[in-house]
Amino acid sequence: MKPSCPSCGAEVPFKSRFAFMAVCNYCKSTIVRHDKDLEILGKMSEMPPDMSPIQIGTTGILGKDKFEIVGRQRIGYENGSWNEWYMLFQSGKDGWLADAQGFIMVSFEDREFNNYPALGKLVPGAIITVGKTEYTADDVKQVTCKGSEGELPFKCIVGRKSTSIDFHSTGSKFCNIDYTHDEKHIFVGKYIDIEELKLENQRQVEGW
């Protein structure tokens, strides 16, 4: 039996095995998963409007691995905001597709990484090594979750604050570290041309 929303009874499928929370499509309750039990955290406000052609249900291909967009968080900072789209792949892995200021980035969380530098040491120019790749810090900024929808792998509630550090490496490689008061996440990936993803079921947006 598929889990249902404790508030309205609608189905909450949790397609990704990594998904921790979901926003009910019907009543907008924010739901977190504890094994087989679901807990309501509150109501999610309407997502801020944006011009992205990507939406939940958009599908595509990265390499030979098909994926579907199953969630989104909208991240804001002092100079604007961007979308982080949660990707679920046919192979079972998950990832993120960010569209920000005309750039498209695909990244994957490194859940095995544990050599996090102290936050105070991460300033522009700082260097870290992830795997065998060296990255240089470009930008350190305070960010806030403006809203979320669908299913997501960690608690992305409105008002969630974190420090986001962007790094670059050779070619199109990048990584990002996100620090909150009780969590740390690192994502590694690359910039990509949107045409490479062969997206389908996009939202019709004038100008794209």
N, C-alpha and C. Protein backbone atom coordinates (compact mmCIF):
# COMPACT_ATOMS: atom_id res chain seq x y z
N MET A 1 0.85 -1.20 0.00
CA MET A 1 0.00 0.00 0.00
C MET A 1 0.88 1.25 0.00
N LYS A 2 0.59 2.19 -0.89
CA LYS A 2 1.37 3.42 -0.95
C LYS A 2 0.95 4.35 0.19
N PRO A 3 1.92 5.12 0.74
CA PRO A 3 1.59 6.00 1.86
C PRO A 3 0.65 7.12 1.43
N SER A 4 -0.13 7.62 2.38
CA SER A 4 -1.07 8.69 2.08
C SER A 4 -0.83 9.85 3.03
N CYS A 5 -1.23 11.04 2.60
CA CYS A 5 -1.05 12.26 3.39
C CYS A 5 -1.87 12.16 4.68
N PRO A 6 -1.26 12.36 5.85
CA PRO A 6 -2.01 12.31 7.10
C PRO A 6 -3.07 13.40 7.22
N SER A 7 -2.93 14.46 6.41
CA SER A 7 -3.87 15.58 6.50
C SER A 7 -5.11 15.37 5.64
N CYS A 8 -4.89 15.03 4.33
CA CYS A 8 -6.04 14.96 3.42
C CYS A 8 -6.28 13.57 2.84
N GLY A 9 -5.34 12.64 3.05
CA GLY A 9 -5.52 11.29 2.56
C GLY A 9 -5.04 11.04 1.15
N ALA A 10 -4.54 12.08 0.48
CA ALA A 10 -4.05 11.91 -0.89
C ALA A 10 -2.79 11.04 -0.90
N GLU A 11 -2.56 10.37 -2.01
CA GLU A 11 -1.39 9.51 -2.13
C GLU A 11 -0.10 10.33 -2.14
N VAL A 12 0.89 9.88 -1.39
CA VAL A 12 2.22 10.48 -1.36
C VAL A 12 3.19 9.38 -1.78
N PRO A 13 3.56 9.29 -3.04
CA PRO A 13 4.25 8.09 -3.53
C PRO A 13 5.68 7.89 -3.08
N PHE A 14 6.45 8.95 -2.83
CA PHE A 14 7.87 8.82 -2.50
C PHE A 14 8.57 7.89 -3.49
N LYS A 15 8.77 8.39 -4.71
CA LYS A 15 9.41 7.60 -5.75
C LYS A 15 10.87 7.30 -5.45
N SER A 16 11.56 8.25 -4.82
CA SER A 16 12.99 8.09 -4.54
C SER A 16 13.20 7.43 -3.19
N ARG A 17 14.10 6.45 -3.13
CA ARG A 17 14.43 5.82 -1.85
C ARG A 17 15.20 6.77 -0.95
N PHE A 18 15.76 7.86 -1.52
CA PHE A 18 16.50 8.84 -0.73
C PHE A 18 15.59 9.93 -0.17
N ALA A 19 14.35 9.99 -0.64
CA ALA A 19 13.46 11.11 -0.27
C ALA A 19 13.15 11.07 1.23
N PHE A 20 13.30 12.23 1.86
CA PHE A 20 13.02 12.38 3.29
C PHE A 20 11.71 13.13 3.51
N MET A 21 11.43 14.09 2.63
CA MET A 21 10.21 14.89 2.79
C MET A 21 9.51 15.04 1.46
N ALA A 22 8.23 15.40 1.54
CA ALA A 22 7.44 15.66 0.35
C ALA A 22 6.40 16.72 0.69
N VAL A 23 5.94 17.42 -0.34
CA VAL A 23 4.86 18.38 -0.19
C VAL A 23 3.65 17.80 -0.90
N CYS A 24 2.56 17.61 -0.17
CA CYS A 24 1.34 17.04 -0.75
C CYS A 24 0.85 17.92 -1.89
N ASN A 25 0.57 17.31 -3.04
CA ASN A 25 0.10 18.07 -4.20
C ASN A 25 -1.26 18.69 -3.98
N TYR A 26 -2.03 18.16 -3.04
CA TYR A 26 -3.43 18.59 -2.89
C TYR A 26 -3.61 19.61 -1.77
N CYS A 27 -3.10 19.29 -0.57
CA CYS A 27 -3.34 20.22 0.55
C CYS A 27 -2.10 21.02 0.93
N LYS A 28 -0.96 20.75 0.26
CA LYS A 28 0.30 21.47 0.48
C LYS A 28 0.89 21.24 1.86
N SER A 29 0.51 20.15 2.52
CA SER A 29 1.14 19.81 3.79
C SER A 29 2.58 19.37 3.54
N THR A 30 3.49 19.79 4.43
CA THR A 30 4.88 19.35 4.37
C THR A 30 4.99 18.08 5.20
N ILE A 31 5.42 16.99 4.57
CA ILE A 31 5.40 15.67 5.19
C ILE A 31 6.82 15.13 5.24
N VAL A 32 7.23 14.60 6.38
CA VAL A 32 8.52 13.93 6.48
C VAL A 32 8.28 12.45 6.73
N ARG A 33 9.22 11.63 6.24
CA ARG A 33 9.08 10.19 6.34
C ARG A 33 10.02 9.63 7.40
N HIS A 34 9.45 8.83 8.30
CA HIS A 34 10.22 8.10 9.31
C HIS A 34 9.92 6.62 9.11
N ASP A 35 10.79 5.93 8.38
CA ASP A 35 10.53 4.55 8.01
C ASP A 35 9.17 4.47 7.31
N LYS A 36 8.17 3.82 7.94
CA LYS A 36 6.86 3.69 7.31
C LYS A 36 5.87 4.73 7.80
N ASP A 37 6.29 5.57 8.74
CA ASP A 37 5.39 6.56 9.30
C ASP A 37 5.62 7.93 8.66
N LEU A 38 4.54 8.70 8.51
CA LEU A 38 4.61 10.04 7.95
C LEU A 38 4.21 11.06 9.01
N GLU A 39 4.93 12.18 9.03
CA GLU A 39 4.66 13.24 10.00
C GLU A 39 4.45 14.55 9.26
N ILE A 40 3.46 15.32 9.69
CA ILE A 40 3.18 16.63 9.09
C ILE A 40 3.96 17.71 9.85
N LEU A 41 4.69 18.53 9.09
CA LEU A 41 5.43 19.64 9.69
C LEU A 41 4.67 20.95 9.61
N GLY A 42 3.68 21.02 8.74
CA GLY A 42 2.95 22.26 8.53
C GLY A 42 2.56 22.41 7.08
N LYS A 43 2.09 23.58 6.72
CA LYS A 43 1.67 23.86 5.35
C LYS A 43 2.76 24.62 4.59
N MET A 44 2.94 24.25 3.32
CA MET A 44 3.90 24.94 2.46
C MET A 44 3.16 26.05 1.71
N SER A 45 3.71 27.24 1.73
CA SER A 45 3.12 28.35 0.99
C SER A 45 3.31 28.14 -0.50
N GLU A 46 2.59 28.89 -1.30
CA GLU A 46 2.72 28.79 -2.75
C GLU A 46 4.14 29.15 -3.19
N MET A 47 4.64 28.42 -4.19
CA MET A 47 5.98 28.69 -4.71
C MET A 47 6.02 30.05 -5.39
N PRO A 48 7.12 30.79 -5.24
CA PRO A 48 7.25 32.07 -5.95
C PRO A 48 7.24 31.82 -7.46
N PRO A 49 6.66 32.73 -8.25
CA PRO A 49 6.64 32.54 -9.70
C PRO A 49 8.04 32.63 -10.29
N ASP A 50 8.28 31.90 -11.39
CA ASP A 50 9.55 31.97 -12.07
C ASP A 50 9.33 31.65 -13.53
N MET A 51 10.39 31.78 -14.33
CA MET A 51 10.28 31.63 -15.78
C MET A 51 10.92 30.35 -16.29
N SER A 52 11.19 29.39 -15.40
CA SER A 52 11.85 28.16 -15.84
C SER A 52 10.88 27.28 -16.63
N PRO A 53 11.34 26.67 -17.74
CA PRO A 53 10.50 25.73 -18.48
C PRO A 53 10.46 24.35 -17.83
N ILE A 54 11.30 24.12 -16.84
CA ILE A 54 11.34 22.83 -16.15
C ILE A 54 10.22 22.78 -15.11
N GLN A 55 9.65 21.61 -14.89
CA GLN A 55 8.60 21.44 -13.91
C GLN A 55 8.67 20.01 -13.37
N ILE A 56 7.97 19.76 -12.26
CA ILE A 56 7.88 18.38 -11.79
C ILE A 56 7.18 17.55 -12.86
N GLY A 57 7.79 16.42 -13.20
CA GLY A 57 7.28 15.60 -14.29
C GLY A 57 8.09 15.73 -15.56
N THR A 58 8.94 16.77 -15.65
CA THR A 58 9.84 16.88 -16.79
C THR A 58 10.80 15.68 -16.78
N THR A 59 11.04 15.11 -17.95
CA THR A 59 11.94 13.96 -18.07
C THR A 59 13.08 14.29 -19.01
N GLY A 60 14.14 13.50 -18.96
CA GLY A 60 15.27 13.72 -19.84
C GLY A 60 16.25 12.56 -19.74
N ILE A 61 17.41 12.75 -20.36
CA ILE A 61 18.45 11.72 -20.37
C ILE A 61 19.80 12.38 -20.09
N LEU A 62 20.56 11.82 -19.18
CA LEU A 62 21.92 12.25 -18.93
C LEU A 62 22.82 11.08 -19.26
N GLY A 63 23.62 11.22 -20.31
CA GLY A 63 24.35 10.06 -20.81
C GLY A 63 23.35 9.08 -21.39
N LYS A 64 23.25 7.90 -20.78
CA LYS A 64 22.26 6.92 -21.21
C LYS A 64 21.22 6.66 -20.11
N ASP A 65 21.29 7.45 -19.04
CA ASP A 65 20.42 7.22 -17.88
C ASP A 65 19.24 8.19 -17.92
N LYS A 66 18.04 7.65 -18.03
CA LYS A 66 16.83 8.49 -18.05
C LYS A 66 16.53 8.99 -16.64
N PHE A 67 15.93 10.18 -16.57
CA PHE A 67 15.57 10.74 -15.27
C PHE A 67 14.23 11.44 -15.35
N GLU A 68 13.66 11.68 -14.16
CA GLU A 68 12.44 12.46 -14.02
C GLU A 68 12.64 13.47 -12.91
N ILE A 69 12.10 14.67 -13.10
CA ILE A 69 12.12 15.69 -12.05
C ILE A 69 10.98 15.37 -11.08
N VAL A 70 11.33 15.14 -9.79
CA VAL A 70 10.31 14.76 -8.81
C VAL A 70 10.17 15.78 -7.68
N GLY A 71 11.02 16.81 -7.65
CA GLY A 71 10.92 17.80 -6.59
C GLY A 71 11.66 19.08 -6.95
N ARG A 72 11.42 20.11 -6.17
CA ARG A 72 12.10 21.40 -6.39
C ARG A 72 12.20 22.17 -5.09
N GLN A 73 13.32 22.86 -4.92
CA GLN A 73 13.39 23.89 -3.89
C GLN A 73 13.82 25.20 -4.56
N ARG A 74 13.23 26.29 -4.12
CA ARG A 74 13.58 27.62 -4.60
C ARG A 74 14.47 28.26 -3.56
N ILE A 75 15.69 28.64 -3.98
CA ILE A 75 16.68 29.17 -3.06
C ILE A 75 16.90 30.66 -3.34
N GLY A 76 16.84 31.46 -2.29
CA GLY A 76 17.03 32.89 -2.44
C GLY A 76 18.26 33.39 -1.69
N TYR A 77 18.82 34.48 -2.19
CA TYR A 77 19.91 35.17 -1.50
C TYR A 77 19.75 36.65 -1.78
N GLU A 78 20.67 37.47 -1.31
CA GLU A 78 20.45 38.91 -1.34
C GLU A 78 20.33 39.48 -2.75
N ASN A 79 20.89 38.79 -3.74
CA ASN A 79 20.85 39.31 -5.11
C ASN A 79 19.90 38.57 -6.05
N GLY A 80 19.09 37.67 -5.52
CA GLY A 80 18.16 36.98 -6.40
C GLY A 80 17.79 35.60 -5.89
N SER A 81 17.45 34.70 -6.80
CA SER A 81 17.06 33.35 -6.41
C SER A 81 17.24 32.41 -7.59
N TRP A 82 17.21 31.11 -7.31
CA TRP A 82 17.32 30.11 -8.37
C TRP A 82 16.59 28.84 -7.96
N ASN A 83 16.40 27.93 -8.94
CA ASN A 83 15.74 26.65 -8.70
C ASN A 83 16.76 25.53 -8.56
N GLU A 84 16.49 24.63 -7.65
CA GLU A 84 17.20 23.37 -7.54
C GLU A 84 16.17 22.26 -7.76
N TRP A 85 16.28 21.57 -8.88
CA TRP A 85 15.33 20.51 -9.25
C TRP A 85 15.90 19.16 -8.86
N TYR A 86 15.10 18.37 -8.15
CA TYR A 86 15.53 17.06 -7.67
C TYR A 86 15.25 16.00 -8.73
N MET A 87 16.30 15.29 -9.15
CA MET A 87 16.23 14.33 -10.25
C MET A 87 16.26 12.90 -9.71
N LEU A 88 15.37 12.07 -10.22
CA LEU A 88 15.40 10.64 -9.91
C LEU A 88 15.68 9.88 -11.20
N PHE A 89 16.76 9.09 -11.20
CA PHE A 89 17.20 8.40 -12.41
C PHE A 89 16.65 6.99 -12.47
N GLN A 90 16.52 6.50 -13.70
CA GLN A 90 16.02 5.14 -13.92
C GLN A 90 16.92 4.11 -13.24
N SER A 91 18.21 4.42 -13.14
CA SER A 91 19.16 3.52 -12.50
C SER A 91 18.99 3.46 -10.99
N GLY A 92 18.22 4.39 -10.42
CA GLY A 92 18.01 4.43 -8.97
C GLY A 92 18.76 5.52 -8.26
N LYS A 93 19.75 6.14 -8.91
CA LYS A 93 20.49 7.23 -8.27
C LYS A 93 19.67 8.51 -8.32
N ASP A 94 20.07 9.49 -7.53
CA ASP A 94 19.38 10.78 -7.53
C ASP A 94 20.40 11.89 -7.76
N GLY A 95 19.92 13.07 -8.13
CA GLY A 95 20.80 14.20 -8.40
C GLY A 95 20.01 15.49 -8.41
N TRP A 96 20.71 16.56 -8.80
CA TRP A 96 20.11 17.90 -8.81
C TRP A 96 20.41 18.59 -10.13
N LEU A 97 19.41 19.30 -10.62
CA LEU A 97 19.55 20.14 -11.81
C LEU A 97 19.23 21.57 -11.38
N ALA A 98 20.22 22.44 -11.46
CA ALA A 98 20.03 23.84 -11.07
C ALA A 98 19.94 24.70 -12.31
N ASP A 99 18.96 25.62 -12.33
CA ASP A 99 18.94 26.62 -13.39
C ASP A 99 19.03 27.99 -12.73
N ALA A 100 20.13 28.67 -13.02
CA ALA A 100 20.42 29.94 -12.35
C ALA A 100 21.12 30.88 -13.31
N GLN A 101 20.56 32.09 -13.47
CA GLN A 101 21.18 33.13 -14.29
C GLN A 101 21.58 32.62 -15.69
N GLY A 102 20.74 31.76 -16.26
CA GLY A 102 21.00 31.27 -17.60
C GLY A 102 21.92 30.08 -17.68
N PHE A 103 22.43 29.59 -16.54
CA PHE A 103 23.32 28.43 -16.52
C PHE A 103 22.54 27.20 -16.06
N ILE A 104 22.92 26.04 -16.61
CA ILE A 104 22.36 24.77 -16.20
C ILE A 104 23.48 23.93 -15.59
N MET A 105 23.24 23.41 -14.39
CA MET A 105 24.24 22.61 -13.69
C MET A 105 23.60 21.33 -13.18
N VAL A 106 24.29 20.22 -13.37
CA VAL A 106 23.85 18.93 -12.83
C VAL A 106 24.87 18.48 -11.80
N SER A 107 24.38 18.07 -10.63
CA SER A 107 25.30 17.65 -9.57
C SER A 107 24.72 16.47 -8.81
N PHE A 108 25.60 15.81 -8.06
CA PHE A 108 25.23 14.65 -7.26
C PHE A 108 25.83 14.80 -5.87
N GLU A 109 25.05 14.45 -4.84
CA GLU A 109 25.57 14.53 -3.48
C GLU A 109 26.58 13.42 -3.25
N ASP A 110 27.72 13.78 -2.67
CA ASP A 110 28.72 12.80 -2.27
C ASP A 110 28.43 12.42 -0.81
N ARG A 111 27.68 11.35 -0.62
CA ARG A 111 27.26 10.96 0.73
C ARG A 111 28.36 10.27 1.52
N GLU A 112 29.49 9.97 0.87
CA GLU A 112 30.61 9.33 1.56
C GLU A 112 31.64 10.36 2.04
N PHE A 113 31.56 11.59 1.55
CA PHE A 113 32.54 12.62 1.91
C PHE A 113 32.39 13.00 3.38
N ASN A 114 33.48 13.04 4.11
CA ASN A 114 33.42 13.43 5.53
C ASN A 114 34.54 14.37 5.95
N ASN A 115 35.30 14.87 4.97
CA ASN A 115 36.43 15.75 5.30
C ASN A 115 36.03 17.22 5.12
N TYR A 116 34.94 17.61 5.79
CA TYR A 116 34.46 18.98 5.65
C TYR A 116 35.38 19.95 6.38
N PRO A 117 35.83 21.01 5.70
CA PRO A 117 36.62 22.03 6.40
C PRO A 117 35.73 22.82 7.35
N ALA A 118 36.32 23.45 8.34
CA ALA A 118 35.57 24.35 9.20
C ALA A 118 34.99 25.48 8.37
N LEU A 119 33.76 25.84 8.63
CA LEU A 119 33.09 26.86 7.82
C LEU A 119 33.89 28.15 7.77
N GLY A 120 34.50 28.54 8.88
CA GLY A 120 35.24 29.79 8.92
C GLY A 120 36.46 29.83 8.02
N LYS A 121 36.93 28.66 7.58
CA LYS A 121 38.09 28.60 6.70
C LYS A 121 37.72 28.71 5.23
N LEU A 122 36.43 28.63 4.94
CA LEU A 122 36.01 28.63 3.55
C LEU A 122 35.71 30.05 3.09
N VAL A 123 36.72 30.67 2.52
CA VAL A 123 36.63 32.02 1.97
C VAL A 123 37.02 31.91 0.49
N PRO A 124 36.67 32.91 -0.33
CA PRO A 124 37.08 32.85 -1.73
C PRO A 124 38.58 32.61 -1.87
N GLY A 125 38.94 31.64 -2.71
CA GLY A 125 40.33 31.27 -2.89
C GLY A 125 40.74 30.02 -2.12
N ALA A 126 39.92 29.62 -1.14
CA ALA A 126 40.23 28.40 -0.37
C ALA A 126 40.16 27.19 -1.29
N ILE A 127 40.97 26.19 -1.02
CA ILE A 127 41.05 25.00 -1.87
C ILE A 127 40.65 23.76 -1.07
N ILE A 128 39.84 22.91 -1.69
CA ILE A 128 39.50 21.62 -1.10
C ILE A 128 39.72 20.55 -2.16
N THR A 129 39.87 19.31 -1.71
CA THR A 129 40.01 18.17 -2.62
C THR A 129 38.86 17.21 -2.37
N VAL A 130 38.15 16.87 -3.42
CA VAL A 130 37.05 15.89 -3.35
C VAL A 130 37.41 14.77 -4.31
N GLY A 131 37.58 13.55 -3.77
CA GLY A 131 38.09 12.48 -4.60
C GLY A 131 39.52 12.81 -5.02
N LYS A 132 39.73 12.87 -6.31
CA LYS A 132 41.06 13.24 -6.83
C LYS A 132 41.06 14.62 -7.48
N THR A 133 39.97 15.36 -7.29
CA THR A 133 39.83 16.66 -7.94
C THR A 133 39.98 17.79 -6.95
N GLU A 134 40.74 18.82 -7.34
CA GLU A 134 40.95 20.00 -6.50
C GLU A 134 40.00 21.10 -6.95
N TYR A 135 39.36 21.74 -5.97
CA TYR A 135 38.39 22.80 -6.25
C TYR A 135 38.79 24.07 -5.50
N THR A 136 38.53 25.22 -6.14
CA THR A 136 38.82 26.52 -5.53
C THR A 136 37.52 27.27 -5.26
N ALA A 137 37.39 27.81 -4.07
CA ALA A 137 36.17 28.52 -3.68
C ALA A 137 36.03 29.84 -4.44
N ASP A 138 34.84 30.06 -4.99
CA ASP A 138 34.53 31.30 -5.71
C ASP A 138 33.71 32.26 -4.88
N ASP A 139 32.75 31.71 -4.13
CA ASP A 139 31.70 32.55 -3.58
C ASP A 139 31.18 31.93 -2.29
N VAL A 140 30.94 32.76 -1.29
CA VAL A 140 30.34 32.32 -0.03
C VAL A 140 29.14 33.22 0.22
N LYS A 141 27.95 32.62 0.36
CA LYS A 141 26.77 33.46 0.56
C LYS A 141 25.77 32.78 1.49
N GLN A 142 24.97 33.62 2.12
CA GLN A 142 23.88 33.15 2.97
C GLN A 142 22.63 32.97 2.11
N VAL A 143 22.00 31.81 2.21
CA VAL A 143 20.84 31.52 1.38
C VAL A 143 19.67 31.06 2.24
N THR A 144 18.46 31.19 1.67
CA THR A 144 17.23 30.82 2.38
C THR A 144 16.32 30.06 1.43
N CYS A 145 15.70 28.99 1.93
CA CYS A 145 14.70 28.27 1.14
C CYS A 145 13.43 29.12 1.07
N LYS A 146 13.01 29.45 -0.16
CA LYS A 146 11.81 30.26 -0.38
C LYS A 146 10.57 29.41 -0.57
N GLY A 147 10.75 28.12 -0.80
CA GLY A 147 9.62 27.23 -1.00
C GLY A 147 10.09 25.92 -1.60
N SER A 148 9.27 24.90 -1.51
CA SER A 148 9.60 23.62 -2.11
C SER A 148 8.33 22.90 -2.51
N GLU A 149 8.49 21.91 -3.39
CA GLU A 149 7.36 21.11 -3.84
C GLU A 149 7.88 19.73 -4.25
N GLY A 150 6.96 18.78 -4.32
CA GLY A 150 7.34 17.43 -4.67
C GLY A 150 8.09 16.75 -3.54
N GLU A 151 8.96 15.79 -3.87
CA GLU A 151 9.72 15.08 -2.86
C GLU A 151 11.19 15.48 -2.90
N LEU A 152 11.82 15.46 -1.73
CA LEU A 152 13.19 15.97 -1.59
C LEU A 152 13.94 15.12 -0.57
N PRO A 153 15.29 15.08 -0.67
CA PRO A 153 16.06 14.16 0.17
C PRO A 153 16.42 14.68 1.54
N PHE A 154 16.12 15.94 1.84
CA PHE A 154 16.33 16.46 3.18
C PHE A 154 15.29 17.54 3.44
N LYS A 155 15.26 18.06 4.65
CA LYS A 155 14.20 18.97 5.08
C LYS A 155 14.38 20.35 4.43
N CYS A 156 13.56 20.62 3.41
CA CYS A 156 13.64 21.88 2.66
C CYS A 156 12.40 22.71 2.95
N ILE A 157 12.28 23.20 4.17
CA ILE A 157 11.11 23.96 4.56
C ILE A 157 11.37 25.45 4.33
N VAL A 158 10.28 26.20 4.18
CA VAL A 158 10.40 27.65 3.98
C VAL A 158 11.13 28.27 5.17
N GLY A 159 12.12 29.10 4.86
CA GLY A 159 12.89 29.76 5.90
C GLY A 159 14.15 29.04 6.31
N ARG A 160 14.37 27.83 5.77
CA ARG A 160 15.61 27.10 6.09
C ARG A 160 16.80 27.93 5.63
N LYS A 161 17.69 28.26 6.55
CA LYS A 161 18.85 29.09 6.23
C LYS A 161 20.12 28.25 6.22
N SER A 162 21.02 28.59 5.32
CA SER A 162 22.29 27.87 5.25
C SER A 162 23.35 28.77 4.63
N THR A 163 24.59 28.34 4.76
CA THR A 163 25.70 29.00 4.08
C THR A 163 26.09 28.14 2.89
N SER A 164 26.11 28.74 1.71
CA SER A 164 26.40 28.03 0.47
C SER A 164 27.74 28.51 -0.08
N ILE A 165 28.64 27.54 -0.34
CA ILE A 165 29.96 27.87 -0.88
C ILE A 165 30.11 27.21 -2.24
N ASP A 166 30.36 27.99 -3.27
CA ASP A 166 30.56 27.48 -4.63
C ASP A 166 32.04 27.37 -4.94
N PHE A 167 32.42 26.28 -5.60
CA PHE A 167 33.81 26.03 -5.99
C PHE A 167 33.87 25.71 -7.48
N HIS A 168 35.00 26.01 -8.10
CA HIS A 168 35.22 25.62 -9.50
C HIS A 168 36.48 24.77 -9.60
N SER A 169 36.56 24.01 -10.70
CA SER A 169 37.75 23.24 -11.00
C SER A 169 38.03 23.40 -12.49
N THR A 170 38.78 22.48 -13.07
CA THR A 170 39.11 22.56 -14.49
C THR A 170 37.89 22.30 -15.35
N GLY A 171 37.88 22.89 -16.53
CA GLY A 171 36.79 22.68 -17.45
C GLY A 171 35.47 23.15 -16.88
N SER A 172 34.45 22.30 -16.95
CA SER A 172 33.11 22.68 -16.50
C SER A 172 32.77 22.12 -15.12
N LYS A 173 33.77 21.58 -14.41
CA LYS A 173 33.51 20.95 -13.11
C LYS A 173 33.27 22.01 -12.02
N PHE A 174 32.40 21.67 -11.09
CA PHE A 174 32.18 22.53 -9.93
C PHE A 174 31.76 21.67 -8.74
N CYS A 175 31.78 22.26 -7.58
CA CYS A 175 31.15 21.62 -6.43
C CYS A 175 30.57 22.70 -5.53
N ASN A 176 29.70 22.27 -4.63
CA ASN A 176 29.04 23.19 -3.70
C ASN A 176 28.94 22.51 -2.35
N ILE A 177 29.20 23.27 -1.30
CA ILE A 177 28.97 22.79 0.06
C ILE A 177 27.89 23.65 0.69
N ASP A 178 26.94 22.99 1.36
CA ASP A 178 25.84 23.67 2.02
C ASP A 178 25.91 23.34 3.51
N TYR A 179 26.09 24.38 4.35
CA TYR A 179 26.16 24.21 5.79
C TYR A 179 24.91 24.81 6.44
N THR A 180 24.21 24.02 7.27
CA THR A 180 23.22 24.58 8.18
C THR A 180 23.76 24.40 9.61
N HIS A 181 22.96 24.76 10.60
CA HIS A 181 23.44 24.64 11.98
C HIS A 181 23.61 23.18 12.40
N ASP A 182 22.95 22.23 11.70
CA ASP A 182 23.04 20.84 12.12
C ASP A 182 23.30 19.85 10.98
N GLU A 183 23.52 20.35 9.75
CA GLU A 183 23.75 19.47 8.62
C GLU A 183 24.83 20.03 7.70
N LYS A 184 25.47 19.12 6.97
CA LYS A 184 26.42 19.51 5.93
C LYS A 184 26.18 18.61 4.73
N HIS A 185 26.18 19.20 3.53
CA HIS A 185 26.01 18.44 2.30
C HIS A 185 27.00 18.96 1.25
N ILE A 186 27.59 18.03 0.49
CA ILE A 186 28.48 18.44 -0.60
C ILE A 186 27.98 17.82 -1.90
N PHE A 187 28.00 18.64 -2.95
CA PHE A 187 27.50 18.22 -4.26
C PHE A 187 28.59 18.47 -5.30
N VAL A 188 28.84 17.51 -6.16
CA VAL A 188 29.84 17.66 -7.22
C VAL A 188 29.16 17.45 -8.57
N GLY A 189 29.58 18.24 -9.56
CA GLY A 189 28.94 18.10 -10.86
C GLY A 189 29.62 18.95 -11.91
N LYS A 190 28.83 19.35 -12.92
CA LYS A 190 29.39 20.13 -14.02
C LYS A 190 28.31 21.00 -14.65
N TYR A 191 28.76 22.05 -15.32
CA TYR A 191 27.87 22.86 -16.15
C TYR A 191 27.56 22.08 -17.43
N ILE A 192 26.36 22.27 -17.95
CA ILE A 192 25.94 21.48 -19.10
C ILE A 192 25.02 22.32 -19.98
N ASP A 193 25.01 22.04 -21.28
CA ASP A 193 24.05 22.68 -22.18
C ASP A 193 22.72 21.97 -22.04
N ILE A 194 21.66 22.74 -21.89
CA ILE A 194 20.35 22.14 -21.63
C ILE A 194 19.91 21.20 -22.75
N GLU A 195 20.38 21.46 -23.99
CA GLU A 195 20.00 20.60 -25.12
C GLU A 195 20.52 19.17 -24.94
N GLU A 196 21.61 19.02 -24.21
CA GLU A 196 22.18 17.68 -23.99
C GLU A 196 21.25 16.78 -23.21
N LEU A 197 20.34 17.36 -22.43
CA LEU A 197 19.49 16.58 -21.55
C LEU A 197 18.24 16.03 -22.25
N LYS A 198 17.96 16.52 -23.46
CA LYS A 198 16.81 16.02 -24.24
C LYS A 198 15.53 16.04 -23.39
N LEU A 199 15.25 17.21 -22.83
CA LEU A 199 14.11 17.34 -21.92
C LEU A 199 12.77 17.20 -22.64
N GLU A 200 11.82 16.55 -21.97
CA GLU A 200 10.45 16.43 -22.45
C GLU A 200 9.49 16.81 -21.33
N ASN A 201 8.25 17.11 -21.71
CA ASN A 201 7.22 17.55 -20.76
C ASN A 201 7.65 18.80 -20.01
N GLN A 202 8.12 19.79 -20.78
CA GLN A 202 8.48 21.07 -20.20
C GLN A 202 7.28 22.00 -20.15
N ARG A 203 7.35 22.97 -19.26
CA ARG A 203 6.33 23.99 -19.17
C ARG A 203 6.54 25.00 -20.30
N GLN A 204 5.47 25.45 -20.91
CA GLN A 204 5.56 26.42 -21.98
C GLN A 204 5.78 27.82 -21.39
N VAL A 205 6.95 28.39 -21.66
CA VAL A 205 7.29 29.71 -21.15
C VAL A 205 7.70 30.59 -22.31
N GLU A 206 7.09 31.75 -22.43
CA GLU A 206 7.40 32.66 -23.51
C GLU A 206 8.86 33.10 -23.41
N GLY A 207 9.57 33.02 -24.52
CA GLY A 207 10.97 33.43 -24.56
C GLY A 207 11.95 32.28 -24.56
N TRP A 208 11.47 31.06 -24.19
CA TRP A 208 12.35 29.90 -24.24
C TRP A 208 12.11 29.14 -25.53
